[in-house]
């Protein structure tokens, strides 16, 4: 066997020839999957090859998810393996008994990372167990980890990576290296599922055979990130006052003819385009015309089209800066990367044009495209219920605008919706299910809804749903914004819902209307006795808003209420909050 083009040195060629001699088809498939797994993985190549799983044709898939993506991948993997004769079971991590772990043989973990390196609520207990002192030795376990995350966050895929490292430390053997997936994960996930199935299953691929157990996709399922529906804009209204320092729009989109269904609590994905002025400035800075052809995974495009519609240019992440450094060798940029504080500061508010201006380098069109991340869809909490609006979907959008280093800037999608679409424009959309943020099945269950700014959007959907279905259960809304006269989003609707009996109580906090700032957590403290009484009477509590400040402050306030009103210690209060999460009585949609 010869290796073309001298890709390997002589010692490597001899080692590969020795390794591949006499391999059967199944072993070759396994090695192919292993090396492809290395290619997809962000981890280092291990010193030794992983051990192939024992072929008892039994596998358990454990998933931890916040939005449902990990559950979806788990279902796809389970279906593929079952079609190849594997006895497979998919189990949510909050339903898995950790005492079983020591007796397991083959496991796949599919888990997301939420916010700044945090496990999703359903994976918290398992994560604490496997990374803690009580984790058992697992010499009989064969496993693989699929980690989902978002490269715009500092601790990308931390939950899955930590679980993988903890399992390896416990003596478990990896079937494939940890796979890390960014938000645009569908192609990589599908490829990994096929590779893992070929490795694990003993039977030939029967994918060409009809599967009587398969269920044809609904029309609604035909639309996705890769195949969005072109929704027509039927209304767009600015809902903040002229005196507001915020710019919030209510946008209504038609889903007529799509067959798309959604539920309150779900999100809509918008595939926007980048600000044209920024695209032009990048082309000018690089002395490129924009007519140069580049190949992306989506297809072949002119550089202008790629920068406009397919590549992320308004936001930077660590991977982009690292690639830029590797290409340019710029010493000043290296100093930034080596200083964690400086890197965090640079990532905040800078874009691709900043890199090009501050660390100049002569890029070809191909090199520039290779640097950049695919343009991910932006997700917005849906602010309507189909029970009320039919074939429409409504969103509430806060426009991001700011000035930095003498240049006016804006969020790619929010300025797209604010500035570059009008009524009768079409917008590419798809639905992102969110099973972790849903109204209780029992309409009589009281609900406490806590939101600030556009975090109130899903509660409009919740209450529309209850009104359309004549459900007058106990509902209490806490809403916070800056100013009463200019920022009270959907004020008239809340007042009508309260008058008609669908909204029992509403408490508002407008932080800038008085000298002392007042936030929703202050209102919670003022009503703490009643808040705790509602929880004791079985209420569900919902939290939607900014994860870095508002959401954390509200959770601290809830713990304080549990301690004060429940007579709990700090430890017991935290345990009570975990119990509420586990029972799905405390649900969050934070960003």
Protein backbone atom coordinates (compact mmCIF):
# COMPACT_ATOMS: atom_id res chain seq x y z
CA UNK A 1 0.00 0.00 0.00
CA UNK A 2 1.51 3.35 -1.04
CA UNK A 3 0.64 6.77 0.31
CA UNK A 4 0.42 9.44 -2.43
CA UNK A 5 1.83 12.99 -2.42
CA UNK A 6 4.21 12.30 0.50
CA UNK A 7 1.61 13.38 3.07
CA UNK A 8 3.33 11.09 5.62
CA UNK A 9 6.98 10.54 6.42
CA UNK A 10 8.54 7.12 5.87
CA UNK A 11 8.05 5.98 9.48
CA UNK A 12 4.37 7.00 9.39
CA UNK A 13 3.85 5.23 6.03
CA UNK A 14 5.36 2.02 7.38
CA UNK A 15 3.24 2.22 10.54
CA UNK A 16 0.04 2.80 8.53
CA UNK A 17 0.86 -0.05 6.11
CA UNK A 18 1.48 -2.38 9.04
CA UNK A 19 -1.73 -1.32 10.75
CA UNK A 20 -3.92 -1.70 7.67
CA UNK A 21 -2.55 -5.09 6.57
CA UNK A 22 -5.14 -7.84 6.85
CA UNK A 23 -7.99 -5.65 8.14
CA UNK A 24 -11.53 -6.83 7.33
CA UNK A 25 -14.28 -4.49 6.10
CA UNK A 26 -15.75 -3.83 9.56
CA UNK A 27 -12.33 -2.95 10.99
CA UNK A 28 -11.63 -0.55 8.13
CA UNK A 29 -15.02 1.11 8.67
CA UNK A 30 -14.24 1.46 12.35
CA UNK A 31 -10.84 3.06 11.67
CA UNK A 32 -12.44 5.40 9.12
CA UNK A 33 -14.95 6.53 11.70
CA UNK A 34 -12.25 6.92 14.32
CA UNK A 35 -10.08 9.19 12.17
CA UNK A 36 -13.10 11.20 11.02
CA UNK A 37 -14.03 11.61 14.66
CA UNK A 38 -10.54 13.00 15.32
CA UNK A 39 -11.03 15.45 12.45
CA UNK A 40 -14.34 16.68 13.86
CA UNK A 41 -13.12 16.81 17.45
CA UNK A 42 -11.58 19.89 19.02
CA UNK A 43 -9.55 17.75 21.40
CA UNK A 44 -5.99 16.47 21.04
CA UNK A 45 -5.19 13.18 19.36
CA UNK A 46 -4.88 10.52 22.08
CA UNK A 47 -1.66 8.55 22.51
CA UNK A 48 -3.45 5.23 22.01
CA UNK A 49 -6.37 4.12 19.87
CA UNK A 50 -9.72 3.86 21.67
CA UNK A 51 -11.08 0.38 22.35
CA UNK A 52 -13.89 -0.91 20.16
CA UNK A 53 -17.10 -1.53 22.15
CA UNK A 54 -18.15 -5.01 23.11
CA UNK A 55 -20.60 -6.10 20.47
CA UNK A 56 -23.52 -7.10 22.68
CA UNK A 57 -25.71 -4.87 20.49
CA UNK A 58 -27.06 -2.97 23.47
CA UNK A 59 -26.59 0.75 23.94
CA UNK A 60 -28.03 3.44 26.16
CA UNK A 61 -28.11 7.08 25.03
CA UNK A 62 -28.19 9.66 27.83
CA UNK A 63 -29.08 13.20 26.84
CA UNK A 64 -29.15 16.54 28.61
CA UNK A 65 -30.81 19.43 26.83
CA UNK A 66 -32.21 22.88 27.37
CA UNK A 67 -33.81 23.60 24.01
CA UNK A 68 -34.33 20.01 22.82
CA UNK A 69 -31.44 19.76 20.34
CA UNK A 70 -29.62 17.04 22.28
CA UNK A 71 -32.86 15.08 22.55
CA UNK A 72 -33.36 15.38 18.79
CA UNK A 73 -29.86 14.03 18.05
CA UNK A 74 -30.43 11.23 20.58
CA UNK A 75 -33.62 10.28 18.75
CA UNK A 76 -31.88 10.29 15.37
CA UNK A 77 -29.05 8.11 16.67
CA UNK A 78 -31.48 5.72 18.35
CA UNK A 79 -33.48 5.35 15.14
CA UNK A 80 -30.38 4.65 13.05
CA UNK A 81 -29.04 2.06 15.50
CA UNK A 82 -32.42 0.34 15.93
CA UNK A 83 -32.68 -0.04 12.15
CA UNK A 84 -29.34 -1.90 12.28
CA UNK A 85 -30.49 -4.32 14.96
CA UNK A 86 -29.09 -2.63 18.06
CA UNK A 87 -31.15 -2.73 21.25
CA UNK A 88 -31.08 0.97 22.09
CA UNK A 89 -32.66 3.15 24.75
CA UNK A 90 -32.64 6.95 25.02
CA UNK A 91 -32.98 8.37 28.54
CA UNK A 92 -33.00 11.94 29.84
CA UNK A 93 -30.16 12.55 32.29
CA UNK A 94 -32.55 13.75 34.99
CA UNK A 95 -34.33 10.41 34.81
CA UNK A 96 -31.15 8.31 34.90
CA UNK A 97 -30.14 6.67 38.19
CA UNK A 98 -26.44 7.29 38.72
CA UNK A 99 -26.08 4.05 40.71
CA UNK A 100 -26.53 2.20 37.39
CA UNK A 101 -23.40 3.76 35.94
CA UNK A 102 -20.93 1.23 37.36
CA UNK A 103 -22.78 -1.64 35.65
CA UNK A 104 -23.10 -0.04 32.19
CA UNK A 105 -21.19 -1.38 29.18
CA UNK A 106 -21.99 0.97 26.28
CA UNK A 107 -23.17 4.57 26.67
CA UNK A 108 -23.46 7.64 24.50
CA UNK A 109 -23.78 11.04 26.16
CA UNK A 110 -25.34 13.88 24.18
CA UNK A 111 -25.33 17.05 26.22
CA UNK A 112 -25.44 20.79 25.66
CA UNK A 113 -23.69 23.60 27.45
CA UNK A 114 -25.86 26.51 28.49
CA UNK A 115 -24.75 30.11 28.93
CA UNK A 116 -21.28 30.52 30.40
CA UNK A 117 -20.28 26.87 30.71
CA UNK A 118 -23.31 25.68 32.67
CA UNK A 119 -25.00 22.29 32.22
CA UNK A 120 -28.68 22.31 31.30
CA UNK A 121 -30.99 21.89 34.29
CA UNK A 122 -31.74 18.24 33.47
CA UNK A 123 -28.00 17.41 33.48
CA UNK A 124 -26.99 19.31 36.64
CA UNK A 125 -27.17 16.38 39.08
CA UNK A 126 -25.38 13.94 36.75
CA UNK A 127 -22.69 16.51 35.93
CA UNK A 128 -22.09 17.15 39.63
CA UNK A 129 -21.91 13.38 40.25
CA UNK A 130 -19.58 12.39 37.41
CA UNK A 131 -17.17 15.29 37.97
CA UNK A 132 -17.25 14.94 41.78
CA UNK A 133 -15.67 12.72 44.38
CA UNK A 134 -18.45 10.09 44.27
CA UNK A 135 -17.83 9.16 40.65
CA UNK A 136 -17.01 5.41 40.47
CA UNK A 137 -14.27 3.71 38.50
CA UNK A 138 -15.67 2.56 35.15
CA UNK A 139 -13.20 0.11 33.55
CA UNK A 140 -15.98 -1.86 31.78
CA UNK A 141 -17.60 1.16 30.14
CA UNK A 142 -17.26 2.03 26.46
CA UNK A 143 -18.62 5.49 25.70
CA UNK A 144 -18.82 8.44 23.35
CA UNK A 145 -19.72 12.06 24.05
CA UNK A 146 -21.44 14.51 21.73
CA UNK A 147 -21.15 18.04 23.15
CA UNK A 148 -23.31 20.90 21.91
CA UNK A 149 -22.48 24.55 22.44
CA UNK A 150 -22.05 27.97 20.91
CA UNK A 151 -18.60 29.27 19.94
CA UNK A 152 -19.63 32.81 20.78
CA UNK A 153 -19.38 31.79 24.44
CA UNK A 154 -16.07 31.51 26.23
CA UNK A 155 -16.53 27.99 27.63
CA UNK A 156 -17.60 26.28 24.42
CA UNK A 157 -19.07 22.80 25.01
CA UNK A 158 -17.69 22.75 28.56
CA UNK A 159 -20.33 20.37 29.95
CA UNK A 160 -19.69 17.64 27.38
CA UNK A 161 -15.92 18.08 27.48
CA UNK A 162 -15.91 17.84 31.29
CA UNK A 163 -18.04 14.68 31.20
CA UNK A 164 -15.71 13.14 28.61
CA UNK A 165 -12.66 13.92 30.74
CA UNK A 166 -14.32 12.59 33.90
CA UNK A 167 -15.23 9.31 32.17
CA UNK A 168 -11.69 8.89 30.83
CA UNK A 169 -10.28 9.58 34.29
CA UNK A 170 -12.60 6.87 35.67
CA UNK A 171 -11.06 4.32 33.30
CA UNK A 172 -13.83 4.24 30.68
CA UNK A 173 -12.77 3.73 27.05
CA UNK A 174 -13.88 6.09 24.29
CA UNK A 175 -15.46 4.65 21.16
CA UNK A 176 -14.91 7.93 19.30
CA UNK A 177 -13.29 11.14 20.54
CA UNK A 178 -15.60 13.80 21.96
CA UNK A 179 -17.47 15.60 19.18
CA UNK A 180 -18.00 19.33 19.75
CA UNK A 181 -20.84 20.95 17.82
CA UNK A 182 -21.50 24.65 17.23
CA UNK A 183 -25.01 26.04 16.65
CA UNK A 184 -24.86 25.05 12.97
CA UNK A 185 -24.54 21.39 13.84
CA UNK A 186 -26.87 19.39 11.61
CA UNK A 187 -24.39 18.17 8.99
CA UNK A 188 -21.69 17.25 11.50
CA UNK A 189 -24.20 15.48 13.74
CA UNK A 190 -25.61 13.45 10.84
CA UNK A 191 -22.11 12.47 9.75
CA UNK A 192 -21.16 11.42 13.28
CA UNK A 193 -24.36 9.38 13.67
CA UNK A 194 -23.55 7.44 10.50
CA UNK A 195 -19.94 6.86 11.58
CA UNK A 196 -20.87 5.76 15.07
CA UNK A 197 -23.57 3.43 13.75
CA UNK A 198 -21.13 1.80 11.31
CA UNK A 199 -18.69 1.25 14.15
CA UNK A 200 -21.19 -0.06 16.67
CA UNK A 201 -23.67 -2.09 14.61
CA UNK A 202 -22.69 -5.51 13.25
CA UNK A 203 -25.24 -5.73 10.44
CA UNK A 204 -24.79 -4.18 6.97
CA UNK A 205 -26.31 -0.76 6.38
CA UNK A 206 -29.96 -1.29 5.58
CA UNK A 207 -30.71 2.39 5.06
CA UNK A 208 -31.89 1.65 1.53
CA UNK A 209 -34.48 -0.81 2.83
CA UNK A 210 -37.95 0.48 3.71
CA UNK A 211 -38.46 0.75 7.46
CA UNK A 212 -42.09 -0.05 8.37
CA UNK A 213 -41.64 1.60 11.76
CA UNK A 214 -40.55 4.92 10.29
CA UNK A 215 -42.98 7.80 10.41
CA UNK A 216 -43.00 10.18 7.45
CA UNK A 217 -42.14 13.75 8.43
CA UNK A 218 -44.97 16.22 8.76
CA UNK A 219 -45.06 19.22 6.45
CA UNK A 220 -44.01 21.33 9.42
CA UNK A 221 -40.82 19.27 9.87
CA UNK A 222 -39.69 20.00 6.32
CA UNK A 223 -38.47 23.46 7.33
CA UNK A 224 -35.19 23.84 9.20
CA UNK A 225 -32.02 25.92 9.39
CA UNK A 226 -30.90 24.31 6.14
CA UNK A 227 -34.31 24.64 4.52
CA UNK A 228 -36.14 27.67 5.97
CA UNK A 229 -39.62 28.86 5.07
CA UNK A 230 -39.90 32.28 3.42
CA UNK A 231 -42.35 34.03 5.74
CA UNK A 232 -44.01 37.25 4.58
CA UNK A 233 -43.92 40.26 6.91
CA UNK A 234 -47.52 41.28 7.55
CA UNK A 235 -46.89 43.87 10.27
CA UNK A 236 -43.98 45.68 11.92
CA UNK A 237 -44.53 48.24 14.67
CA UNK A 238 -42.11 50.04 16.97
CA UNK A 239 -43.53 49.53 20.47
CA UNK A 240 -41.21 51.74 22.51
CA UNK A 241 -41.99 55.44 22.83
CA UNK A 242 -40.13 58.28 21.16
CA UNK A 243 -38.48 59.19 24.48
CA UNK A 244 -37.12 55.67 25.00
CA UNK A 245 -33.43 54.94 24.69
CA UNK A 246 -34.44 51.49 23.43
CA UNK A 247 -35.78 50.51 20.02
CA UNK A 248 -38.12 47.52 20.24
CA UNK A 249 -40.23 46.21 17.35
CA UNK A 250 -43.22 43.89 17.27
CA UNK A 251 -43.00 41.88 14.03
CA UNK A 252 -45.74 39.62 12.63
CA UNK A 253 -44.88 36.99 10.01
CA UNK A 254 -47.21 34.89 7.89
CA UNK A 255 -46.74 31.11 7.91
CA UNK A 256 -49.59 30.59 5.44
CA UNK A 257 -49.06 27.48 3.34
CA UNK A 258 -46.12 26.20 5.40
CA UNK A 259 -47.93 23.75 7.67
CA UNK A 260 -45.60 24.93 10.45
CA UNK A 261 -46.84 24.35 13.97
CA UNK A 262 -45.38 25.75 17.19
CA UNK A 263 -46.25 26.02 20.85
CA UNK A 264 -45.94 28.84 23.38
CA UNK A 265 -42.38 28.72 24.69
CA UNK A 266 -40.83 27.78 21.33
CA UNK A 267 -38.47 30.07 19.41
CA UNK A 268 -38.36 31.17 15.80
CA UNK A 269 -35.03 31.10 13.98
CA UNK A 270 -34.32 34.01 11.63
CA UNK A 271 -31.73 33.70 8.87
CA UNK A 272 -30.77 37.33 8.36
CA UNK A 273 -28.09 39.00 6.29
CA UNK A 274 -25.23 41.22 7.38
CA UNK A 275 -25.22 45.04 7.28
CA UNK A 276 -24.32 46.05 3.70
CA UNK A 277 -22.08 48.90 4.88
CA UNK A 278 -19.97 46.46 6.91
CA UNK A 279 -19.64 44.09 3.95
CA UNK A 280 -18.51 46.96 1.71
CA UNK A 281 -16.01 48.17 4.33
CA UNK A 282 -14.47 44.69 4.66
CA UNK A 283 -14.07 44.40 0.87
CA UNK A 284 -12.48 47.84 0.72
CA UNK A 285 -10.09 47.06 3.58
CA UNK A 286 -8.96 43.79 1.93
CA UNK A 287 -8.73 45.27 -1.59
CA UNK A 288 -11.04 42.54 -2.86
CA UNK A 289 -13.77 43.19 -5.43
CA UNK A 290 -16.36 40.80 -4.01
CA UNK A 291 -16.72 39.00 -7.34
CA UNK A 292 -14.14 36.37 -6.39
CA UNK A 293 -15.65 32.88 -6.08
CA UNK A 294 -15.40 30.99 -2.78
CA UNK A 295 -16.61 27.54 -1.80
CA UNK A 296 -18.51 27.17 1.45
CA UNK A 297 -20.19 24.07 2.81
CA UNK A 298 -23.50 25.52 1.58
CA UNK A 299 -22.17 25.84 -1.98
CA UNK A 300 -20.25 28.18 -4.28
CA UNK A 301 -20.76 31.95 -3.97
CA UNK A 302 -19.16 35.22 -4.83
CA UNK A 303 -17.26 36.68 -1.88
CA UNK A 304 -19.85 39.47 -1.70
CA UNK A 305 -22.66 36.92 -1.32
CA UNK A 306 -20.67 34.90 1.21
CA UNK A 307 -19.99 37.94 3.40
CA UNK A 308 -23.57 39.18 3.09
CA UNK A 309 -25.51 35.99 3.69
CA UNK A 310 -23.34 33.09 4.86
CA UNK A 311 -20.46 34.21 7.08
CA UNK A 312 -20.45 35.78 10.55
CA UNK A 313 -18.81 39.22 10.42
CA UNK A 314 -20.51 41.27 13.18
CA UNK A 315 -19.32 39.07 16.06
CA UNK A 316 -15.92 37.56 16.89
CA UNK A 317 -15.11 34.43 18.84
CA UNK A 318 -11.91 32.81 20.09
CA UNK A 319 -11.63 30.41 17.19
CA UNK A 320 -11.72 33.21 14.61
CA UNK A 321 -9.06 35.20 16.46
CA UNK A 322 -6.88 32.09 16.84
CA UNK A 323 -7.16 31.39 13.09
CA UNK A 324 -6.32 35.00 12.36
CA UNK A 325 -3.22 34.77 14.54
CA UNK A 326 -2.08 31.51 12.92
CA UNK A 327 -2.40 33.10 9.50
CA UNK A 328 -0.82 36.45 10.28
CA UNK A 329 1.61 35.72 13.10
CA UNK A 330 0.83 39.17 14.49
CA UNK A 331 2.66 39.66 17.80
CA UNK A 332 0.21 42.23 19.20
CA UNK A 333 -2.69 39.87 18.55
CA UNK A 334 -0.77 37.05 20.22
CA UNK A 335 -0.40 39.21 23.33
CA UNK A 336 -4.19 39.65 23.42
CA UNK A 337 -4.84 35.92 23.07
CA UNK A 338 -2.38 35.08 25.84
CA UNK A 339 -4.08 37.53 28.24
CA UNK A 340 -7.51 36.14 29.20
CA UNK A 341 -8.81 39.51 30.40
CA UNK A 342 -7.58 41.31 27.29
CA UNK A 343 -9.13 38.65 25.05
CA UNK A 344 -12.52 38.89 26.78
CA UNK A 345 -12.37 42.66 26.42
CA UNK A 346 -11.49 42.42 22.73
CA UNK A 347 -14.25 39.92 21.96
CA UNK A 348 -16.85 42.32 23.39
CA UNK A 349 -17.99 44.82 20.77
CA UNK A 350 -15.40 44.13 18.06
CA UNK A 351 -16.08 42.70 14.62
CA UNK A 352 -14.14 41.31 11.64
CA UNK A 353 -13.42 44.79 10.26
CA UNK A 354 -11.67 45.66 13.54
CA UNK A 355 -9.32 42.70 13.08
CA UNK A 356 -8.55 43.69 9.51
CA UNK A 357 -7.92 47.33 10.41
CA UNK A 358 -5.92 46.79 13.60
CA UNK A 359 -3.87 43.77 12.47
CA UNK A 360 -3.54 44.24 8.69
CA UNK A 361 -2.75 41.30 6.44
CA UNK A 362 -3.17 40.63 2.73
CA UNK A 363 -5.83 37.92 2.45
CA UNK A 364 -7.08 36.18 -0.63
CA UNK A 365 -10.83 35.71 -0.91
CA UNK A 366 -10.44 32.03 -0.07
CA UNK A 367 -8.28 32.76 2.97
CA UNK A 368 -10.73 35.35 4.28
CA UNK A 369 -13.69 32.99 3.91
CA UNK A 370 -11.78 30.20 5.64
CA UNK A 371 -11.23 32.40 8.69
CA UNK A 372 -14.87 33.02 9.37
CA UNK A 373 -17.62 31.12 11.09
CA UNK A 374 -20.83 30.22 9.28
CA UNK A 375 -23.54 32.79 9.93
CA UNK A 376 -25.77 31.20 12.59
CA UNK A 377 -29.49 31.84 12.76
CA UNK A 378 -30.69 34.17 15.51
CA UNK A 379 -33.38 32.77 17.79
CA UNK A 380 -36.24 34.86 19.17
CA UNK A 381 -38.76 33.72 21.75
CA UNK A 382 -42.15 33.54 20.05
CA UNK A 383 -44.61 36.12 21.38
CA UNK A 384 -47.80 34.60 19.99
CA UNK A 385 -49.99 31.50 20.29
CA UNK A 386 -51.29 29.70 17.22
CA UNK A 387 -54.53 29.13 19.10
CA UNK A 388 -54.97 32.89 18.84
CA UNK A 389 -53.20 34.00 15.64
CA UNK A 390 -53.47 30.92 13.37
CA UNK A 391 -50.91 30.81 10.54
CA UNK A 392 -48.81 33.64 11.94
CA UNK A 393 -45.83 33.92 14.25
CA UNK A 394 -45.01 37.07 16.22
CA UNK A 395 -41.65 38.15 17.63
CA UNK A 396 -40.46 41.00 19.85
CA UNK A 397 -37.09 42.39 18.77
CA UNK A 398 -34.81 44.80 20.62
CA UNK A 399 -32.56 46.53 18.09
CA UNK A 400 -28.88 46.44 19.02
CA UNK A 401 -27.03 49.64 18.07
CA UNK A 402 -23.86 51.09 19.54
CA UNK A 403 -20.88 53.25 18.69
CA UNK A 404 -17.35 51.94 19.14
CA UNK A 405 -14.00 53.36 18.02
CA UNK A 406 -15.72 56.03 15.98
CA UNK A 407 -17.89 53.63 14.00
CA UNK A 408 -21.64 53.00 14.29
CA UNK A 409 -22.46 49.32 14.69
CA UNK A 410 -25.45 47.05 15.16
CA UNK A 411 -26.61 43.52 15.70
CA UNK A 412 -26.81 41.63 12.41
CA UNK A 413 -30.34 40.26 12.81
CA UNK A 414 -31.92 43.04 14.87
CA UNK A 415 -30.85 45.71 12.37
CA UNK A 416 -31.92 43.41 9.53
CA UNK A 417 -35.42 43.32 11.01
CA UNK A 418 -35.44 47.00 11.98
CA UNK A 419 -33.83 48.55 8.90
CA UNK A 420 -33.84 46.16 5.97
CA UNK A 421 -37.28 44.57 5.94
CA UNK A 422 -40.67 46.15 5.46
CA UNK A 423 -44.25 44.89 5.23
CA UNK A 424 -44.50 42.35 2.36
CA UNK A 425 -40.78 41.53 2.61
CA UNK A 426 -39.98 37.84 3.09
CA UNK A 427 -37.83 36.46 5.89
CA UNK A 428 -36.29 32.94 6.04
CA UNK A 429 -37.56 31.26 9.23
CA UNK A 430 -37.81 27.92 11.01
CA UNK A 431 -39.14 26.82 14.40
CA UNK A 432 -36.85 25.79 17.25
CA UNK A 433 -38.79 23.68 19.76
CA UNK A 434 -38.19 24.37 23.44
CA UNK A 435 -39.64 21.54 25.55
CA UNK A 436 -38.01 23.03 28.66
CA UNK A 437 -40.20 26.17 28.66
CA UNK A 438 -43.83 25.15 28.55
CA UNK A 439 -47.09 25.97 30.32
CA UNK A 440 -48.17 23.28 32.82
CA UNK A 441 -50.44 20.59 31.42
CA UNK A 442 -52.98 21.27 34.16
CA UNK A 443 -54.53 24.64 33.34
CA UNK A 444 -55.41 25.11 37.02
CA UNK A 445 -51.74 25.18 38.03
CA UNK A 446 -50.83 28.72 39.15
CA UNK A 447 -47.96 30.33 37.23
CA UNK A 448 -45.56 33.13 38.17
CA UNK A 449 -43.99 34.79 35.12
CA UNK A 450 -40.83 36.88 35.59
CA UNK A 451 -39.40 38.84 32.68
CA UNK A 452 -37.50 42.02 31.84
CA UNK A 453 -37.54 43.85 28.53
CA UNK A 454 -38.15 41.54 25.57
CA UNK A 455 -38.00 38.66 28.07
CA UNK A 456 -41.74 39.25 28.36
CA UNK A 457 -42.28 37.92 24.81
CA UNK A 458 -43.05 34.26 25.66
CA UNK A 459 -45.50 35.37 28.35
CA UNK A 460 -47.55 37.15 25.72
CA UNK A 461 -47.71 33.76 23.97
CA UNK A 462 -48.64 31.99 27.23
CA UNK A 463 -51.48 34.38 27.99
CA UNK A 464 -52.74 34.46 24.39
CA UNK A 465 -52.93 30.68 24.60
CA UNK A 466 -54.87 30.75 27.87
CA UNK A 467 -57.24 33.40 26.57
CA UNK A 468 -57.88 31.54 23.29
CA UNK A 469 -58.66 28.36 25.25
CA UNK A 470 -60.62 30.17 27.99
CA UNK A 471 -58.23 29.05 30.71
CA UNK A 472 -58.46 31.41 33.68
CA UNK A 473 -55.96 29.80 36.02
CA UNK A 474 -54.02 31.91 38.52
CA UNK A 475 -51.38 33.91 36.64
CA UNK A 476 -48.99 36.51 38.08
CA UNK A 477 -46.68 38.61 35.89
CA UNK A 478 -43.58 40.45 37.09
CA UNK A 479 -42.28 42.80 34.39
CA UNK A 480 -39.30 45.13 34.44
CA UNK A 481 -38.04 47.85 32.11
CA UNK A 482 -36.54 51.31 32.27
CA UNK A 483 -39.43 53.78 32.04
CA UNK A 484 -43.19 53.45 32.42
CA UNK A 485 -44.23 55.91 29.71
CA UNK A 486 -41.90 54.74 26.95
CA UNK A 487 -40.95 51.12 27.73
CA UNK A 488 -44.05 49.35 29.07
CA UNK A 489 -44.17 46.68 26.34
CA UNK A 490 -47.70 45.44 25.50
CA UNK A 491 -49.19 47.54 28.31
CA UNK A 492 -52.71 47.68 26.83
CA UNK A 493 -52.75 43.91 26.28
CA UNK A 494 -51.78 43.12 29.88
CA UNK A 495 -54.45 45.49 31.16
CA UNK A 496 -57.14 43.86 29.00
CA UNK A 497 -56.03 40.36 30.05
CA UNK A 498 -56.21 41.42 33.68
CA UNK A 499 -59.65 42.96 33.21
CA UNK A 500 -60.92 39.78 31.51
CA UNK A 501 -59.57 37.51 34.26
CA UNK A 502 -56.73 35.76 32.42
CA UNK A 503 -54.03 37.68 34.28
CA UNK A 504 -54.73 37.78 38.00
CA UNK A 505 -51.83 39.95 39.17
CA UNK A 506 -49.17 42.16 37.60
CA UNK A 507 -46.22 43.83 39.34
CA UNK A 508 -43.97 46.17 37.39
CA UNK A 509 -40.57 47.70 38.03
CA UNK A 510 -39.31 50.67 36.03
CA UNK A 511 -35.71 51.19 37.03
CA UNK A 512 -35.17 54.76 35.75
CA UNK A 513 -38.44 56.37 36.91
CA UNK A 514 -36.98 57.28 40.32
CA UNK A 515 -33.60 58.07 41.78
CA UNK A 516 -33.19 54.63 43.32
CA UNK A 517 -33.21 51.88 40.69
CA UNK A 518 -35.97 49.30 41.14
CA UNK A 519 -35.84 45.93 39.39
CA UNK A 520 -38.12 42.89 39.24
CA UNK A 521 -36.15 41.24 42.04
CA UNK A 522 -37.08 44.17 44.30
CA UNK A 523 -40.76 43.56 43.54
CA UNK A 524 -40.29 39.88 44.31
CA UNK A 525 -38.86 40.73 47.73
CA UNK A 526 -41.76 43.11 48.39
CA UNK A 527 -44.22 40.29 47.60
CA UNK A 528 -42.14 37.46 49.05
CA UNK A 529 -44.77 36.10 51.44
CA UNK A 530 -47.32 35.75 48.66
CA UNK A 531 -44.73 34.45 46.17
CA UNK A 532 -43.75 31.68 48.59
CA UNK A 533 -47.42 30.93 49.34
CA UNK A 534 -48.07 30.49 45.59
CA UNK A 535 -45.13 28.08 45.36
CA UNK A 536 -46.42 26.13 48.36
CA UNK A 537 -49.74 25.88 46.55
CA UNK A 538 -48.06 24.22 43.56
CA UNK A 539 -47.26 27.21 41.34
CA UNK A 540 -44.80 26.96 38.46
CA UNK A 541 -42.32 29.80 38.15
CA UNK A 542 -40.85 31.02 34.85
CA UNK A 543 -37.87 33.27 34.21
CA UNK A 544 -36.96 34.88 30.89
CA UNK A 545 -34.25 37.46 30.28
CA UNK A 546 -30.55 38.28 30.28
CA UNK A 547 -28.49 35.43 31.78
CA UNK A 548 -25.51 37.52 32.86
CA UNK A 549 -27.31 39.94 35.14
CA UNK A 550 -31.09 39.79 35.47
CA UNK A 551 -31.52 36.01 35.53
CA UNK A 552 -28.78 35.48 38.11
CA UNK A 553 -30.07 38.29 40.31
CA UNK A 554 -33.59 36.84 40.22
CA UNK A 555 -32.34 33.37 41.17
CA UNK A 556 -30.40 34.85 44.10
CA UNK A 557 -33.57 36.66 45.17
CA UNK A 558 -35.62 33.46 45.01
CA UNK A 559 -33.05 31.70 47.20
CA UNK A 560 -33.31 34.58 49.65
CA UNK A 561 -37.11 34.22 49.69
CA UNK A 562 -36.83 30.49 50.35
CA UNK A 563 -34.52 31.13 53.27
CA UNK A 564 -36.64 33.91 54.77
CA UNK A 565 -40.16 32.59 54.19
CA UNK A 566 -39.37 28.89 54.28
CA UNK A 567 -37.02 29.01 57.25
CA UNK A 568 -34.41 27.21 55.15
CA UNK A 569 -30.65 27.20 55.45
CA UNK A 570 -28.65 28.35 52.44
CA UNK A 571 -28.02 24.71 51.54
CA UNK A 572 -31.69 23.74 51.89
CA UNK A 573 -32.80 26.72 49.81
CA UNK A 574 -30.47 25.66 47.00
CA UNK A 575 -31.78 22.09 47.27
CA UNK A 576 -35.37 23.39 47.08
CA UNK A 577 -34.52 25.36 43.91
CA UNK A 578 -32.96 22.23 42.38
CA UNK A 579 -36.09 20.27 43.24
CA UNK A 580 -38.27 22.86 41.52
CA UNK A 581 -36.08 22.58 38.42
CA UNK A 582 -36.16 18.78 38.49
CA UNK A 583 -39.95 18.78 38.81
CA UNK A 584 -40.07 21.29 35.92
CA UNK A 585 -41.78 23.78 38.20
CA UNK A 586 -38.97 26.30 37.67
CA UNK A 587 -38.27 26.86 33.98
CA UNK A 588 -35.92 29.36 32.37
CA UNK A 589 -35.45 30.84 28.92
CA UNK A 590 -32.32 32.95 29.27
CA UNK A 591 -29.90 34.41 26.74
